Amino acid sequence: MTRVAGIDCGTNSIRLLVADCDPATGELVELDRRMTIVRLGQGVDKTGRLAPEALERTFAACREYAGVIKEFGAERVRFVATSASRDAENRDEFVQGVLDVLGVEPEVISGDQEAEFSFTGATKELVAHEHLERPFLVVDIGGGSTEFVVGEDRVRAARSVDVGCVRMTERHLVVDGEVTDPPTAAQVAAMRADIEAALDLAAETVPLGEARTLVGLAGSVTTVAAIALGLAEYDWSAIHHSRISYEQVREISERMLTSTHAERAAIPVMHPGRVDVIGAGSLVLLAIMERVGAAEVVVSEHDILDGIAWSAA
């Protein structure tokens, strides 16, 4: 076993996984997994820069994670940064800040690399499930981008498109600095058109129609699953490998896009940092299911973070 730490810094959240990995057997023993909403991508779509307050929130989370990594004595650390830091003019400031805190340089990876990690993390266990038809279509709905990956045991085709829950919210649902509460029908229609255009782009590279099992990753998907399962509190074990129907996703998406901030915040499993972006995230998932004709989505709590840990090992 090799003790590793993987860090996934996305547009909306930063996450840490400390685990013992055995690449020979495919066994991953989780020691610590945590997530902090830092909203690193705040305003990036509009300004092209990482905001000072967003950087400070991210560095504060890094300081916490540095303590955890030291406590567990991880031999190898890999820090991967995704959509927001790819797009930002001042990403050097971000890179230097992380290096100062953690002693490791963040790798600002491409969308294709992001897709590879997501696929590995999501499917390493699923390949043993004989009842799940192949190929898998893994969709990782992040804050700034969504990754589409088709493959059986390995990646066959992948594409990252700039559609995520934070980006769609900021682009379509924010007026005069405030999230419309709830969105208007026109706002939702414009957002849906943007998502459909992104799906057209993804389909140029990834054979979406060939998918036999849709696997959904990341916070938008797991939150929809938690709501569909009627959980009183977030339960990782209940959500992992749950199967949520198209009808459930459609009903939840409509509910999220017609409710107020207070109504969404009152949902027991809703993370405070996801209240304003879950409407966009659920709509992205719904549009994907409609495009590929999926009757259900298999929800995985293992995702890009697990793929990063495997790559470190």
C-alpha atoms as a PDB file:
ATOM      1  CA  MET A   1       0.000   0.000   0.000  1.00  0.00           C
ATOM      2  CA  THR A   2       1.116   3.547  -0.774  1.00  0.00           C
ATOM      3  CA  ARG A   3      -0.307   6.375   1.358  1.00  0.00           C
ATOM      4  CA  VAL A   4      -1.241   9.273  -0.871  1.00  0.00           C
ATOM      5  CA  ALA A   5      -3.123  12.560  -0.742  1.00  0.00           C
ATOM      6  CA  GLY A   6      -5.098  13.827  -3.701  1.00  0.00           C
ATOM      7  CA  ILE A   7      -6.478  17.365  -3.882  1.00  0.00           C
ATOM      8  CA  ASP A   8      -9.046  18.454  -6.450  1.00  0.00           C
ATOM      9  CA  CYS A   9      -9.473  22.208  -6.704  1.00  0.00           C
ATOM     10  CA  GLY A  10     -12.424  23.072  -8.901  1.00  0.00           C
ATOM     11  CA  THR A  11     -14.496  26.147  -9.635  1.00  0.00           C
ATOM     12  CA  ASN A  12     -16.829  25.756  -6.660  1.00  0.00           C
ATOM     13  CA  SER A  13     -15.091  23.490  -4.154  1.00  0.00           C
ATOM     14  CA  ILE A  14     -11.732  22.124  -3.054  1.00  0.00           C
ATOM     15  CA  ARG A  15     -11.569  18.523  -1.867  1.00  0.00           C
ATOM     16  CA  LEU A  16      -9.031  16.296  -0.161  1.00  0.00           C
ATOM     17  CA  LEU A  17      -8.674  12.507  -0.148  1.00  0.00           C
ATOM     18  CA  VAL A  18      -6.050  10.729   1.924  1.00  0.00           C
ATOM     19  CA  ALA A  19      -5.958   7.017   1.134  1.00  0.00           C
ATOM     20  CA  ASP A  20      -3.868   3.870   1.083  1.00  0.00           C
ATOM     21  CA  CYS A  21      -3.727   2.582  -2.498  1.00  0.00           C
ATOM     22  CA  ASP A  22      -2.569  -0.720  -3.942  1.00  0.00           C
ATOM     23  CA  PRO A  23      -2.352  -0.343  -7.732  1.00  0.00           C
ATOM     24  CA  ALA A  24      -1.673  -4.075  -8.128  1.00  0.00           C
ATOM     25  CA  THR A  25      -5.028  -5.117  -6.615  1.00  0.00           C
ATOM     26  CA  GLY A  26      -7.088  -1.999  -7.295  1.00  0.00           C
ATOM     27  CA  GLU A  27      -7.788  -1.581  -3.569  1.00  0.00           C
ATOM     28  CA  LEU A  28      -8.234   1.934  -2.184  1.00  0.00           C
ATOM     29  CA  VAL A  29      -8.679   2.346   1.578  1.00  0.00           C
ATOM     30  CA  GLU A  30     -10.027   5.788   2.397  1.00  0.00           C
ATOM     31  CA  LEU A  31      -8.551   7.449   5.496  1.00  0.00           C
ATOM     32  CA  ASP A  32      -9.938  10.988   5.202  1.00  0.00           C
ATOM     33  CA  ARG A  33     -12.171  12.712   2.677  1.00  0.00           C
ATOM     34  CA  ARG A  34     -13.371  16.295   3.030  1.00  0.00           C
ATOM     35  CA  MET A  35     -14.748  19.147   0.965  1.00  0.00           C
ATOM     36  CA  THR A  36     -14.822  22.927   1.377  1.00  0.00           C
ATOM     37  CA  ILE A  37     -16.864  25.318  -0.759  1.00  0.00           C
ATOM     38  CA  VAL A  38     -14.426  28.107  -1.705  1.00  0.00           C
ATOM     39  CA  ARG A  39     -16.050  29.415  -4.931  1.00  0.00           C
ATOM     40  CA  LEU A  40     -12.638  29.923  -6.560  1.00  0.00           C
ATOM     41  CA  GLY A  41     -14.378  30.657  -9.847  1.00  0.00           C
ATOM     42  CA  GLN A  42     -16.269  33.648  -8.443  1.00  0.00           C
ATOM     43  CA  GLY A  43     -16.575  36.133 -11.300  1.00  0.00           C
ATOM     44  CA  VAL A  44     -13.995  34.422 -13.548  1.00  0.00           C
ATOM     45  CA  ASP A  45     -16.443  34.046 -16.442  1.00  0.00           C
ATOM     46  CA  LYS A  46     -16.951  37.836 -16.439  1.00  0.00           C
ATOM     47  CA  THR A  47     -13.551  39.236 -15.381  1.00  0.00           C
ATOM     48  CA  GLY A  48     -11.111  36.556 -16.493  1.00  0.00           C
ATOM     49  CA  ARG A  49      -9.365  36.811 -13.105  1.00  0.00           C
ATOM     50  CA  LEU A  50      -9.437  35.005  -9.763  1.00  0.00           C
ATOM     51  CA  ALA A  51     -10.865  37.361  -7.122  1.00  0.00           C
ATOM     52  CA  PRO A  52      -8.643  38.163  -4.095  1.00  0.00           C
ATOM     53  CA  GLU A  53     -11.294  36.955  -1.636  1.00  0.00           C
ATOM     54  CA  ALA A  54     -11.732  33.712  -3.606  1.00  0.00           C
ATOM     55  CA  LEU A  55      -7.991  33.100  -3.479  1.00  0.00           C
ATOM     56  CA  GLU A  56      -7.906  33.707   0.277  1.00  0.00           C
ATOM     57  CA  ARG A  57     -10.777  31.245   0.862  1.00  0.00           C
ATOM     58  CA  THR A  58      -8.875  28.669  -1.168  1.00  0.00           C
ATOM     59  CA  PHE A  59      -5.571  29.226   0.635  1.00  0.00           C
ATOM     60  CA  ALA A  60      -7.360  28.941   4.010  1.00  0.00           C
ATOM     61  CA  ALA A  61      -8.693  25.516   2.970  1.00  0.00           C
ATOM     62  CA  CYS A  62      -5.185  24.541   1.815  1.00  0.00           C
ATOM     63  CA  ARG A  63      -3.806  25.391   5.250  1.00  0.00           C
ATOM     64  CA  GLU A  64      -6.379  23.095   6.846  1.00  0.00           C
ATOM     65  CA  TYR A  65      -5.582  20.311   4.383  1.00  0.00           C
ATOM     66  CA  ALA A  66      -1.830  20.672   4.982  1.00  0.00           C
ATOM     67  CA  GLY A  67      -2.456  19.798   8.628  1.00  0.00           C
ATOM     68  CA  VAL A  68      -4.473  16.698   7.710  1.00  0.00           C
ATOM     69  CA  ILE A  69      -1.828  15.496   5.237  1.00  0.00           C
ATOM     70  CA  LYS A  70       0.889  15.904   7.866  1.00  0.00           C
ATOM     71  CA  GLU A  71      -1.216  14.096  10.483  1.00  0.00           C
ATOM     72  CA  PHE A  72      -1.683  11.035   8.265  1.00  0.00           C
ATOM     73  CA  GLY A  73       1.852  11.093   6.887  1.00  0.00           C
ATOM     74  CA  ALA A  74       0.999  10.832   3.188  1.00  0.00           C
ATOM     75  CA  GLU A  75       4.049   9.829   1.141  1.00  0.00           C
ATOM     76  CA  ARG A  76       2.902  11.481  -2.078  1.00  0.00           C
ATOM     77  CA  VAL A  77       0.690  14.503  -2.688  1.00  0.00           C
ATOM     78  CA  ARG A  78      -0.883  15.496  -5.984  1.00  0.00           C
ATOM     79  CA  PHE A  79      -2.808  18.765  -6.339  1.00  0.00           C
ATOM     80  CA  VAL A  80      -4.920  19.119  -9.452  1.00  0.00           C
ATOM     81  CA  ALA A  81      -6.621  22.373 -10.433  1.00  0.00           C
ATOM     82  CA  THR A  82      -9.383  22.458 -12.986  1.00  0.00           C
ATOM     83  CA  SER A  83     -11.656  24.851 -14.866  1.00  0.00           C
ATOM     84  CA  ALA A  84     -11.454  28.202 -13.030  1.00  0.00           C
ATOM     85  CA  SER A  85      -7.676  28.231 -12.721  1.00  0.00           C
ATOM     86  CA  ARG A  86      -7.312  27.198 -16.364  1.00  0.00           C
ATOM     87  CA  ASP A  87      -9.265  30.270 -17.461  1.00  0.00           C
ATOM     88  CA  ALA A  88      -7.769  32.921 -15.153  1.00  0.00           C
ATOM     89  CA  GLU A  89      -5.229  35.550 -16.211  1.00  0.00           C
ATOM     90  CA  ASN A  90      -3.696  35.617 -12.719  1.00  0.00           C
ATOM     91  CA  ARG A  91      -3.355  31.881 -12.237  1.00  0.00           C
ATOM     92  CA  ASP A  92       0.351  32.321 -11.371  1.00  0.00           C
ATOM     93  CA  GLU A  93      -0.759  33.999  -8.136  1.00  0.00           C
ATOM     94  CA  PHE A  94      -2.875  30.933  -7.368  1.00  0.00           C
ATOM     95  CA  VAL A  95      -0.023  28.520  -8.166  1.00  0.00           C
ATOM     96  CA  GLN A  96       2.449  30.368  -5.935  1.00  0.00           C
ATOM     97  CA  GLY A  97      -0.020  30.572  -3.040  1.00  0.00           C
ATOM     98  CA  VAL A  98      -0.662  26.824  -3.084  1.00  0.00           C
ATOM     99  CA  LEU A  99       3.069  26.094  -3.345  1.00  0.00           C
ATOM    100  CA  ASP A 100       3.731  28.302  -0.303  1.00  0.00           C
ATOM    101  CA  VAL A 101       1.099  26.519   1.812  1.00  0.00           C
ATOM    102  CA  LEU A 102       1.381  22.880   0.719  1.00  0.00           C
ATOM    103  CA  GLY A 103       4.880  22.668  -0.728  1.00  0.00           C
ATOM    104  CA  VAL A 104       3.479  21.126  -3.906  1.00  0.00           C
ATOM    105  CA  GLU A 105       2.770  22.879  -7.177  1.00  0.00           C
ATOM    106  CA  PRO A 106      -0.807  22.627  -8.436  1.00  0.00           C
ATOM    107  CA  GLU A 107      -1.091  21.052 -11.851  1.00  0.00           C
ATOM    108  CA  VAL A 108      -3.496  23.062 -13.955  1.00  0.00           C
ATOM    109  CA  ILE A 109      -4.708  20.158 -16.066  1.00  0.00           C
ATOM    110  CA  SER A 110      -6.498  20.103 -19.393  1.00  0.00           C
ATOM    111  CA  GLY A 111     -10.114  19.098 -19.775  1.00  0.00           C
ATOM    112  CA  ASP A 112      -8.992  15.809 -21.343  1.00  0.00           C
ATOM    113  CA  GLN A 113      -6.798  14.980 -18.334  1.00  0.00           C
ATOM    114  CA  GLU A 114      -9.684  15.914 -16.046  1.00  0.00           C
ATOM    115  CA  ALA A 115     -11.889  13.479 -17.946  1.00  0.00           C
ATOM    116  CA  GLU A 116      -9.330  10.650 -17.624  1.00  0.00           C
ATOM    117  CA  PHE A 117      -9.118  11.087 -13.844  1.00  0.00           C
ATOM    118  CA  SER A 118     -12.909  11.238 -13.521  1.00  0.00           C
ATOM    119  CA  PHE A 119     -13.381   8.055 -15.521  1.00  0.00           C
ATOM    120  CA  THR A 120     -10.773   6.116 -13.544  1.00  0.00           C
ATOM    121  CA  GLY A 121     -12.169   7.231 -10.197  1.00  0.00           C
ATOM    122  CA  ALA A 122     -15.794   6.528 -11.133  1.00  0.00           C
ATOM    123  CA  THR A 123     -15.463   3.171 -12.889  1.00  0.00           C
ATOM    124  CA  LYS A 124     -12.672   1.307 -11.080  1.00  0.00           C
ATOM    125  CA  GLU A 125     -15.295  -0.403  -8.884  1.00  0.00           C
ATOM    126  CA  LEU A 126     -18.084  -0.503 -11.478  1.00  0.00           C
ATOM    127  CA  VAL A 127     -16.208  -2.736 -13.923  1.00  0.00           C
ATOM    128  CA  ALA A 128     -16.894  -5.643 -11.551  1.00  0.00           C
ATOM    129  CA  HIS A 129     -20.684  -5.095 -11.803  1.00  0.00           C
ATOM    130  CA  GLU A 130     -21.710  -7.523 -14.530  1.00  0.00           C
ATOM    131  CA  HIS A 131     -25.313  -6.223 -14.591  1.00  0.00           C
ATOM    132  CA  LEU A 132     -24.190  -2.763 -15.740  1.00  0.00           C
ATOM    133  CA  GLU A 133     -24.031  -2.568 -19.522  1.00  0.00           C
ATOM    134  CA  ARG A 134     -21.043  -1.044 -21.290  1.00  0.00           C
ATOM    135  CA  PRO A 135     -19.884   1.362 -22.547  1.00  0.00           C
ATOM    136  CA  PHE A 136     -20.114   3.737 -19.618  1.00  0.00           C
ATOM    137  CA  LEU A 137     -20.752   7.434 -20.154  1.00  0.00           C
ATOM    138  CA  VAL A 138     -19.244   9.259 -17.191  1.00  0.00           C
ATOM    139  CA  VAL A 139     -20.404  12.859 -16.740  1.00  0.00           C
ATOM    140  CA  ASP A 140     -18.694  15.051 -14.157  1.00  0.00           C
ATOM    141  CA  ILE A 141     -20.788  18.193 -13.652  1.00  0.00           C
ATOM    142  CA  GLY A 142     -18.474  20.704 -12.028  1.00  0.00           C
ATOM    143  CA  GLY A 143     -18.710  24.378 -11.239  1.00  0.00           C
ATOM    144  CA  GLY A 144     -17.138  25.689 -14.431  1.00  0.00           C
ATOM    145  CA  SER A 145     -17.152  22.756 -16.821  1.00  0.00           C
ATOM    146  CA  THR A 146     -18.650  19.342 -17.461  1.00  0.00           C
ATOM    147  CA  GLU A 147     -16.572  16.387 -18.586  1.00  0.00           C
ATOM    148  CA  PHE A 148     -17.985  13.648 -20.824  1.00  0.00           C
ATOM    149  CA  VAL A 149     -16.105  10.361 -21.063  1.00  0.00           C
ATOM    150  CA  VAL A 150     -17.113   7.184 -22.890  1.00  0.00           C
ATOM    151  CA  GLY A 151     -15.296   3.917 -22.360  1.00  0.00           C
ATOM    152  CA  GLU A 152     -15.454   0.312 -21.287  1.00  0.00           C
ATOM    153  CA  ASP A 153     -12.478  -0.480 -19.051  1.00  0.00           C
ATOM    154  CA  ARG A 154     -10.512   2.476 -20.390  1.00  0.00           C
ATOM    155  CA  VAL A 155     -11.303   5.861 -21.898  1.00  0.00           C
ATOM    156  CA  ARG A 156     -12.348   5.715 -25.547  1.00  0.00           C
ATOM    157  CA  ALA A 157     -13.353   9.353 -26.062  1.00  0.00           C
ATOM    158  CA  ALA A 158     -13.541  12.441 -23.857  1.00  0.00           C
ATOM    159  CA  ARG A 159     -14.536  16.090 -24.076  1.00  0.00           C
ATOM    160  CA  SER A 160     -14.726  18.944 -21.594  1.00  0.00           C
ATOM    161  CA  VAL A 161     -17.195  21.753 -22.253  1.00  0.00           C
ATOM    162  CA  ASP A 162     -17.595  25.072 -20.432  1.00  0.00           C
ATOM    163  CA  VAL A 163     -20.942  24.332 -18.822  1.00  0.00           C
ATOM    164  CA  GLY A 164     -21.054  24.004 -15.037  1.00  0.00           C
ATOM    165  CA  CYS A 165     -23.388  24.944 -12.202  1.00  0.00           C
ATOM    166  CA  VAL A 166     -21.486  28.101 -11.181  1.00  0.00           C
ATOM    167  CA  ARG A 167     -20.762  29.275 -14.723  1.00  0.00           C
ATOM    168  CA  MET A 168     -24.395  28.798 -15.826  1.00  0.00           C
ATOM    169  CA  THR A 169     -25.717  30.507 -12.699  1.00  0.00           C
ATOM    170  CA  GLU A 170     -23.438  33.540 -13.101  1.00  0.00           C
ATOM    171  CA  ARG A 171     -24.045  33.766 -16.849  1.00  0.00           C
ATOM    172  CA  HIS A 172     -27.838  33.429 -16.845  1.00  0.00           C
ATOM    173  CA  LEU A 173     -29.350  33.789 -13.368  1.00  0.00           C
ATOM    174  CA  VAL A 174     -27.473  36.761 -11.861  1.00  0.00           C
ATOM    175  CA  VAL A 175     -28.910  40.256 -12.360  1.00  0.00           C
ATOM    176  CA  ASP A 176     -27.231  43.299 -10.754  1.00  0.00           C
ATOM    177  CA  GLY A 177     -25.066  41.034  -8.648  1.00  0.00           C
ATOM    178  CA  GLU A 178     -27.966  39.023  -7.212  1.00  0.00           C
ATOM    179  CA  VAL A 179     -29.233  35.557  -8.129  1.00  0.00           C
ATOM    180  CA  THR A 180     -32.815  35.811  -9.416  1.00  0.00           C
ATOM    181  CA  ASP A 181     -35.045  34.151  -6.841  1.00  0.00           C
ATOM    182  CA  PRO A 182     -36.588  32.135  -8.428  1.00  0.00           C
ATOM    183  CA  PRO A 183     -35.353  32.379 -12.055  1.00  0.00           C
ATOM    184  CA  THR A 184     -37.698  33.551 -14.784  1.00  0.00           C
ATOM    185  CA  ALA A 185     -38.817  31.212 -17.563  1.00  0.00           C
ATOM    186  CA  ALA A 186     -36.751  33.271 -20.029  1.00  0.00           C
ATOM    187  CA  GLN A 187     -33.611  32.869 -17.912  1.00  0.00           C
ATOM    188  CA  VAL A 188     -34.100  29.103 -17.681  1.00  0.00           C
ATOM    189  CA  ALA A 189     -34.718  28.877 -21.437  1.00  0.00           C
ATOM    190  CA  ALA A 190     -31.505  30.799 -22.200  1.00  0.00           C
ATOM    191  CA  MET A 191     -29.552  28.569 -19.834  1.00  0.00           C
ATOM    192  CA  ARG A 192     -31.047  25.459 -21.424  1.00  0.00           C
ATOM    193  CA  ALA A 193     -30.053  26.696 -24.900  1.00  0.00           C
ATOM    194  CA  ASP A 194     -26.475  27.213 -23.684  1.00  0.00           C
ATOM    195  CA  ILE A 195     -26.400  23.681 -22.253  1.00  0.00           C
ATOM    196  CA  GLU A 196     -27.771  22.182 -25.481  1.00  0.00           C
ATOM    197  CA  ALA A 197     -25.080  23.984 -27.511  1.00  0.00           C
ATOM    198  CA  ALA A 198     -22.440  22.520 -25.191  1.00  0.00           C
ATOM    199  CA  LEU A 199     -23.925  19.045 -25.658  1.00  0.00           C
ATOM    200  CA  ASP A 200     -23.632  19.524 -29.413  1.00  0.00           C
ATOM    201  CA  LEU A 201     -19.931  20.281 -28.912  1.00  0.00           C
ATOM    202  CA  ALA A 202     -19.429  17.243 -26.686  1.00  0.00           C
ATOM    203  CA  ALA A 203     -21.159  15.007 -29.240  1.00  0.00           C
ATOM    204  CA  GLU A 204     -18.603  16.013 -31.886  1.00  0.00           C
ATOM    205  CA  THR A 205     -15.960  14.084 -29.937  1.00  0.00           C
ATOM    206  CA  VAL A 206     -17.829  11.685 -27.669  1.00  0.00           C
ATOM    207  CA  PRO A 207     -20.363   9.168 -29.076  1.00  0.00           C
ATOM    208  CA  LEU A 208     -23.047  10.018 -26.507  1.00  0.00           C
ATOM    209  CA  GLY A 209     -25.622   7.793 -28.168  1.00  0.00           C
ATOM    210  CA  GLU A 210     -23.512   4.665 -27.704  1.00  0.00           C
ATOM    211  CA  ALA A 211     -23.645   4.860 -23.914  1.00  0.00           C
ATOM    212  CA  ARG A 212     -25.448   2.021 -22.137  1.00  0.00           C
ATOM    213  CA  THR A 213     -24.854   3.129 -18.525  1.00  0.00           C
ATOM    214  CA  LEU A 214     -24.826   6.794 -17.475  1.00  0.00           C
ATOM    215  CA  VAL A 215     -22.628   7.480 -14.435  1.00  0.00           C
ATOM    216  CA  GLY A 216     -23.002  10.876 -12.756  1.00  0.00           C
ATOM    217  CA  LEU A 217     -20.368  12.541 -10.583  1.00  0.00           C
ATOM    218  CA  ALA A 218     -19.835  15.595  -8.377  1.00  0.00           C
ATOM    219  CA  GLY A 219     -21.919  17.738  -6.056  1.00  0.00           C
ATOM    220  CA  SER A 220     -24.840  18.644  -8.319  1.00  0.00           C
ATOM    221  CA  VAL A 221     -25.492  14.964  -9.066  1.00  0.00           C
ATOM    222  CA  THR A 222     -24.996  13.707  -5.511  1.00  0.00           C
ATOM    223  CA  THR A 223     -27.249  16.460  -4.142  1.00  0.00           C
ATOM    224  CA  VAL A 224     -30.018  15.549  -6.610  1.00  0.00           C
ATOM    225  CA  ALA A 225     -29.590  11.918  -5.539  1.00  0.00           C
ATOM    226  CA  ALA A 226     -29.786  12.804  -1.843  1.00  0.00           C
ATOM    227  CA  ILE A 227     -33.022  14.734  -2.457  1.00  0.00           C
ATOM    228  CA  ALA A 228     -34.467  11.899  -4.564  1.00  0.00           C
ATOM    229  CA  LEU A 229     -33.663   9.381  -1.821  1.00  0.00           C
ATOM    230  CA  GLY A 230     -35.423  11.582   0.758  1.00  0.00           C
ATOM    231  CA  LEU A 231     -32.442  11.594   3.107  1.00  0.00           C
ATOM    232  CA  ALA A 232     -32.750  13.476   6.385  1.00  0.00           C
ATOM    233  CA  GLU A 233     -29.000  14.143   6.279  1.00  0.00           C
ATOM    234  CA  TYR A 234     -26.266  13.588   3.728  1.00  0.00           C
ATOM    235  CA  ASP A 235     -25.325   9.884   3.735  1.00  0.00           C
ATOM    236  CA  TRP A 236     -22.378   8.971   1.511  1.00  0.00           C
ATOM    237  CA  SER A 237     -23.058   5.233   1.680  1.00  0.00           C
ATOM    238  CA  ALA A 238     -26.720   5.601   0.650  1.00  0.00           C
ATOM    239  CA  ILE A 239     -25.858   7.863  -2.284  1.00  0.00           C
ATOM    240  CA  HIS A 240     -22.890   5.895  -3.648  1.00  0.00           C
ATOM    241  CA  HIS A 241     -24.061   3.670  -6.539  1.00  0.00           C
ATOM    242  CA  SER A 242     -27.701   4.692  -6.070  1.00  0.00           C
ATOM    243  CA  ARG A 243     -29.771   4.714  -9.253  1.00  0.00           C
ATOM    244  CA  ILE A 244     -31.936   7.776  -9.814  1.00  0.00           C
ATOM    245  CA  SER A 245     -34.612   7.732 -12.496  1.00  0.00           C
ATOM    246  CA  TYR A 246     -35.129  10.300 -15.228  1.00  0.00           C
ATOM    247  CA  GLU A 247     -38.555  11.140 -13.746  1.00  0.00           C
ATOM    248  CA  GLN A 248     -36.967  11.902 -10.366  1.00  0.00           C
ATOM    249  CA  VAL A 249     -34.304  14.133 -11.937  1.00  0.00           C
ATOM    250  CA  ARG A 250     -36.921  16.009 -13.992  1.00  0.00           C
ATOM    251  CA  GLU A 251     -39.128  16.608 -10.944  1.00  0.00           C
ATOM    252  CA  ILE A 252     -36.210  17.795  -8.788  1.00  0.00           C
ATOM    253  CA  SER A 253     -34.826  20.051 -11.519  1.00  0.00           C
ATOM    254  CA  GLU A 254     -38.224  21.729 -11.955  1.00  0.00           C
ATOM    255  CA  ARG A 255     -38.511  22.143  -8.196  1.00  0.00           C
ATOM    256  CA  MET A 256     -35.034  23.672  -7.859  1.00  0.00           C
ATOM    257  CA  LEU A 257     -35.718  26.138 -10.688  1.00  0.00           C
ATOM    258  CA  THR A 258     -39.069  27.309  -9.315  1.00  0.00           C
ATOM    259  CA  SER A 259     -38.198  27.561  -5.618  1.00  0.00           C
ATOM    260  CA  THR A 260     -36.774  30.428  -3.594  1.00  0.00           C
ATOM    261  CA  HIS A 261     -33.377  30.558  -1.917  1.00  0.00           C
ATOM    262  CA  ALA A 262     -35.031  29.971   1.469  1.00  0.00           C
ATOM    263  CA  GLU A 263     -36.957  26.934   0.209  1.00  0.00           C
ATOM    264  CA  ARG A 264     -33.835  25.350  -1.266  1.00  0.00           C
ATOM    265  CA  ALA A 265     -31.779  26.144   1.830  1.00  0.00           C
ATOM    266  CA  ALA A 266     -34.380  24.370   3.976  1.00  0.00           C
ATOM    267  CA  ILE A 267     -33.748  21.032   2.238  1.00  0.00           C
ATOM    268  CA  PRO A 268     -31.882  18.945   4.866  1.00  0.00           C
ATOM    269  CA  VAL A 269     -29.176  17.624   2.519  1.00  0.00           C
ATOM    270  CA  MET A 270     -28.467  20.978   0.819  1.00  0.00           C
ATOM    271  CA  HIS A 271     -24.936  22.276   1.414  1.00  0.00           C
ATOM    272  CA  PRO A 272     -25.062  26.069   2.017  1.00  0.00           C
ATOM    273  CA  GLY A 273     -22.606  26.645  -0.809  1.00  0.00           C
ATOM    274  CA  ARG A 274     -24.833  24.813  -3.285  1.00  0.00           C
ATOM    275  CA  VAL A 275     -28.157  26.569  -2.615  1.00  0.00           C
ATOM    276  CA  ASP A 276     -27.843  29.102  -5.451  1.00  0.00           C
ATOM    277  CA  VAL A 277     -26.236  26.800  -8.041  1.00  0.00           C
ATOM    278  CA  ILE A 278     -28.216  23.559  -7.678  1.00  0.00           C
ATOM    279  CA  GLY A 279     -30.881  24.752 -10.139  1.00  0.00           C
ATOM    280  CA  ALA A 280     -28.311  25.101 -12.913  1.00  0.00           C
ATOM    281  CA  GLY A 281     -26.560  21.870 -11.937  1.00  0.00           C
ATOM    282  CA  SER A 282     -29.754  19.831 -11.955  1.00  0.00           C
ATOM    283  CA  LEU A 283     -30.722  21.285 -15.331  1.00  0.00           C
ATOM    284  CA  VAL A 284     -27.377  20.222 -16.813  1.00  0.00           C
ATOM    285  CA  LEU A 285     -27.998  16.667 -15.569  1.00  0.00           C
ATOM    286  CA  LEU A 286     -31.552  16.639 -16.929  1.00  0.00           C
ATOM    287  CA  ALA A 287     -30.425  17.871 -20.360  1.00  0.00           C
ATOM    288  CA  ILE A 288     -27.743  15.170 -20.525  1.00  0.00           C
ATOM    289  CA  MET A 289     -30.234  12.420 -19.634  1.00  0.00           C
ATOM    290  CA  GLU A 290     -32.630  13.648 -22.297  1.00  0.00           C
ATOM    291  CA  ARG A 291     -29.896  13.874 -24.912  1.00  0.00           C
ATOM    292  CA  VAL A 292     -28.666  10.293 -24.371  1.00  0.00           C
ATOM    293  CA  GLY A 293     -32.095   8.814 -23.622  1.00  0.00           C
ATOM    294  CA  ALA A 294     -31.031   7.576 -20.187  1.00  0.00           C
ATOM    295  CA  ALA A 295     -33.780   6.077 -18.037  1.00  0.00           C
ATOM    296  CA  GLU A 296     -31.585   6.441 -14.945  1.00  0.00           C
ATOM    297  CA  VAL A 297     -28.245   7.722 -13.726  1.00  0.00           C
ATOM    298  CA  VAL A 298     -25.898   5.641 -11.556  1.00  0.00           C
ATOM    299  CA  VAL A 299     -24.503   8.035  -8.957  1.00  0.00           C
ATOM    300  CA  SER A 300     -20.878   7.670  -7.880  1.00  0.00           C
ATOM    301  CA  GLU A 301     -19.237   9.309  -4.895  1.00  0.00           C
ATOM    302  CA  HIS A 302     -15.930   8.175  -6.368  1.00  0.00           C
ATOM    303  CA  ASP A 303     -14.832  10.643  -8.994  1.00  0.00           C
ATOM    304  CA  ILE A 304     -11.917  12.764 -10.153  1.00  0.00           C
ATOM    305  CA  LEU A 305     -10.552  12.909  -6.593  1.00  0.00           C
ATOM    306  CA  ASP A 306     -10.174   9.110  -6.494  1.00  0.00           C
ATOM    307  CA  GLY A 307      -8.610   9.215  -9.953  1.00  0.00           C
ATOM    308  CA  ILE A 308      -6.080  11.789  -8.716  1.00  0.00           C
ATOM    309  CA  ALA A 309      -5.233   9.552  -5.729  1.00  0.00           C
ATOM    310  CA  TRP A 310      -4.726   6.563  -8.050  1.00  0.00           C
ATOM    311  CA  SER A 311      -2.438   8.618 -10.287  1.00  0.00           C
ATOM    312  CA  ALA A 312      -0.363   9.649  -7.248  1.00  0.00           C
ATOM    313  CA  ALA A 313      -0.018   6.023  -6.200  1.00  0.00           C
END
